Amino acid sequence: MKLLELGPAAVTAARVALWLRDNPAPSIYVRQLVLPGVHTKFIERHRQVIDQMLATLESSSRDQDMSAGDDEPGVLGP
């Protein structure tokens, strides 16, 4: 992952990934994203890393949902 190469910009990329996780399919243009310090060019430049972070967050979230039903056999998620 190119995360280490980003340095301080990694935190900004993580904020974008978290926002996208919390707002799936927002139906907005990149330029309409309202996050302080995040510009269209930043997202375009770091899209691959943001997508990888988002995939990791979503995977982690699915894993937590699946483990939530461990008390009841055959139950997945809440």
C-alpha atoms as a PDB file:
ATOM      1  CA  MET A   1       0.000   0.000   0.000  1.00  0.00           C
ATOM      2  CA  LYS A   2       1.243   3.477  -0.797  1.00  0.00           C
ATOM      3  CA  LEU A   3       0.068   4.700   2.583  1.00  0.00           C
ATOM      4  CA  LEU A   4       3.557   5.192   3.996  1.00  0.00           C
ATOM      5  CA  GLU A   5       4.546   7.285   0.986  1.00  0.00           C
ATOM      6  CA  LEU A   6       1.742   9.764   1.729  1.00  0.00           C
ATOM      7  CA  GLY A   7       3.150  10.908   5.048  1.00  0.00           C
ATOM      8  CA  PRO A   8       0.827  13.457   6.697  1.00  0.00           C
ATOM      9  CA  ALA A   9      -1.577  13.280   3.738  1.00  0.00           C
ATOM     10  CA  ALA A  10      -2.416   9.723   4.889  1.00  0.00           C
ATOM     11  CA  VAL A  11      -4.608  11.194   7.638  1.00  0.00           C
ATOM     12  CA  THR A  12      -6.523  13.255   5.081  1.00  0.00           C
ATOM     13  CA  ALA A  13      -6.945  10.201   2.849  1.00  0.00           C
ATOM     14  CA  ALA A  14      -8.254   8.265   5.854  1.00  0.00           C
ATOM     15  CA  ARG A  15     -10.781  11.029   6.583  1.00  0.00           C
ATOM     16  CA  VAL A  16     -12.042  10.771   2.999  1.00  0.00           C
ATOM     17  CA  ALA A  17     -12.301   6.974   3.243  1.00  0.00           C
ATOM     18  CA  LEU A  18     -14.192   7.213   6.546  1.00  0.00           C
ATOM     19  CA  TRP A  19     -16.582   9.797   5.084  1.00  0.00           C
ATOM     20  CA  LEU A  20     -17.223   7.556   2.076  1.00  0.00           C
ATOM     21  CA  ARG A  21     -17.849   4.579   4.367  1.00  0.00           C
ATOM     22  CA  ASP A  22     -20.340   6.588   6.406  1.00  0.00           C
ATOM     23  CA  ASN A  23     -22.004   8.060   3.296  1.00  0.00           C
ATOM     24  CA  PRO A  24     -22.254   5.232   0.765  1.00  0.00           C
ATOM     25  CA  ALA A  25     -23.382   6.261  -2.718  1.00  0.00           C
ATOM     26  CA  PRO A  26     -23.755   9.959  -1.862  1.00  0.00           C
ATOM     27  CA  SER A  27     -24.582  10.844  -5.504  1.00  0.00           C
ATOM     28  CA  ILE A  28     -22.378  13.922  -5.519  1.00  0.00           C
ATOM     29  CA  TYR A  29     -19.471  15.069  -7.619  1.00  0.00           C
ATOM     30  CA  VAL A  30     -16.004  14.905  -6.083  1.00  0.00           C
ATOM     31  CA  ARG A  31     -15.869  18.691  -6.028  1.00  0.00           C
ATOM     32  CA  GLN A  32     -18.991  18.733  -3.812  1.00  0.00           C
ATOM     33  CA  LEU A  33     -17.363  16.728  -1.012  1.00  0.00           C
ATOM     34  CA  VAL A  34     -17.297  18.985   2.050  1.00  0.00           C
ATOM     35  CA  LEU A  35     -14.294  18.033   4.149  1.00  0.00           C
ATOM     36  CA  PRO A  36     -11.919  20.749   5.380  1.00  0.00           C
ATOM     37  CA  GLY A  37      -8.576  20.600   3.597  1.00  0.00           C
ATOM     38  CA  VAL A  38      -9.748  18.087   0.998  1.00  0.00           C
ATOM     39  CA  HIS A  39      -9.696  19.322  -2.562  1.00  0.00           C
ATOM     40  CA  THR A  40     -10.644  17.645  -5.833  1.00  0.00           C
ATOM     41  CA  LYS A  41      -7.024  17.352  -6.887  1.00  0.00           C
ATOM     42  CA  PHE A  42      -6.130  15.632  -3.616  1.00  0.00           C
ATOM     43  CA  ILE A  43      -8.798  12.972  -4.184  1.00  0.00           C
ATOM     44  CA  GLU A  44      -7.816  12.530  -7.827  1.00  0.00           C
ATOM     45  CA  ARG A  45      -4.135  12.228  -6.890  1.00  0.00           C
ATOM     46  CA  HIS A  46      -4.736   9.742  -4.050  1.00  0.00           C
ATOM     47  CA  ARG A  47      -7.783   7.875  -5.354  1.00  0.00           C
ATOM     48  CA  GLN A  48      -6.084   4.470  -5.329  1.00  0.00           C
ATOM     49  CA  VAL A  49      -5.058   4.732  -1.672  1.00  0.00           C
ATOM     50  CA  ILE A  50      -8.475   6.081  -0.659  1.00  0.00           C
ATOM     51  CA  ASP A  51     -10.171   3.180  -2.464  1.00  0.00           C
ATOM     52  CA  GLN A  52      -7.886   0.669  -0.715  1.00  0.00           C
ATOM     53  CA  MET A  53      -8.606   2.234   2.672  1.00  0.00           C
ATOM     54  CA  LEU A  54     -12.340   2.175   1.975  1.00  0.00           C
ATOM     55  CA  ALA A  55     -12.199  -1.499   0.962  1.00  0.00           C
ATOM     56  CA  THR A  56     -10.336  -2.307   4.194  1.00  0.00           C
ATOM     57  CA  LEU A  57     -12.862  -0.371   6.285  1.00  0.00           C
ATOM     58  CA  GLU A  58     -15.797  -2.093   4.596  1.00  0.00           C
ATOM     59  CA  SER A  59     -14.178  -5.507   5.010  1.00  0.00           C
ATOM     60  CA  SER A  60     -13.542  -4.822   8.691  1.00  0.00           C
ATOM     61  CA  SER A  61     -17.126  -3.679   9.145  1.00  0.00           C
ATOM     62  CA  ARG A  62     -18.469  -6.853   7.487  1.00  0.00           C
ATOM     63  CA  ASP A  63     -16.242  -8.999   9.725  1.00  0.00           C
ATOM     64  CA  GLN A  64     -17.638  -7.262  12.817  1.00  0.00           C
ATOM     65  CA  ASP A  65     -21.203  -7.715  11.581  1.00  0.00           C
ATOM     66  CA  MET A  66     -20.626 -11.425  11.031  1.00  0.00           C
ATOM     67  CA  SER A  67     -19.062 -11.931  14.464  1.00  0.00           C
ATOM     68  CA  ALA A  68     -21.999 -10.165  16.145  1.00  0.00           C
ATOM     69  CA  GLY A  69     -24.157 -13.228  15.521  1.00  0.00           C
ATOM     70  CA  ASP A  70     -21.667 -15.721  16.958  1.00  0.00           C
ATOM     71  CA  ASP A  71     -23.868 -16.292  19.998  1.00  0.00           C
ATOM     72  CA  GLU A  72     -26.614 -17.760  17.827  1.00  0.00           C
ATOM     73  CA  PRO A  73     -25.629 -20.517  15.389  1.00  0.00           C
ATOM     74  CA  GLY A  74     -26.640 -19.783  11.820  1.00  0.00           C
ATOM     75  CA  VAL A  75     -27.180 -16.044  12.430  1.00  0.00           C
ATOM     76  CA  LEU A  76     -25.078 -13.550  10.470  1.00  0.00           C
ATOM     77  CA  GLY A  77     -24.911  -9.974  11.638  1.00  0.00           C
ATOM     78  CA  PRO A  78     -27.473  -8.040  13.645  1.00  0.00           C
END
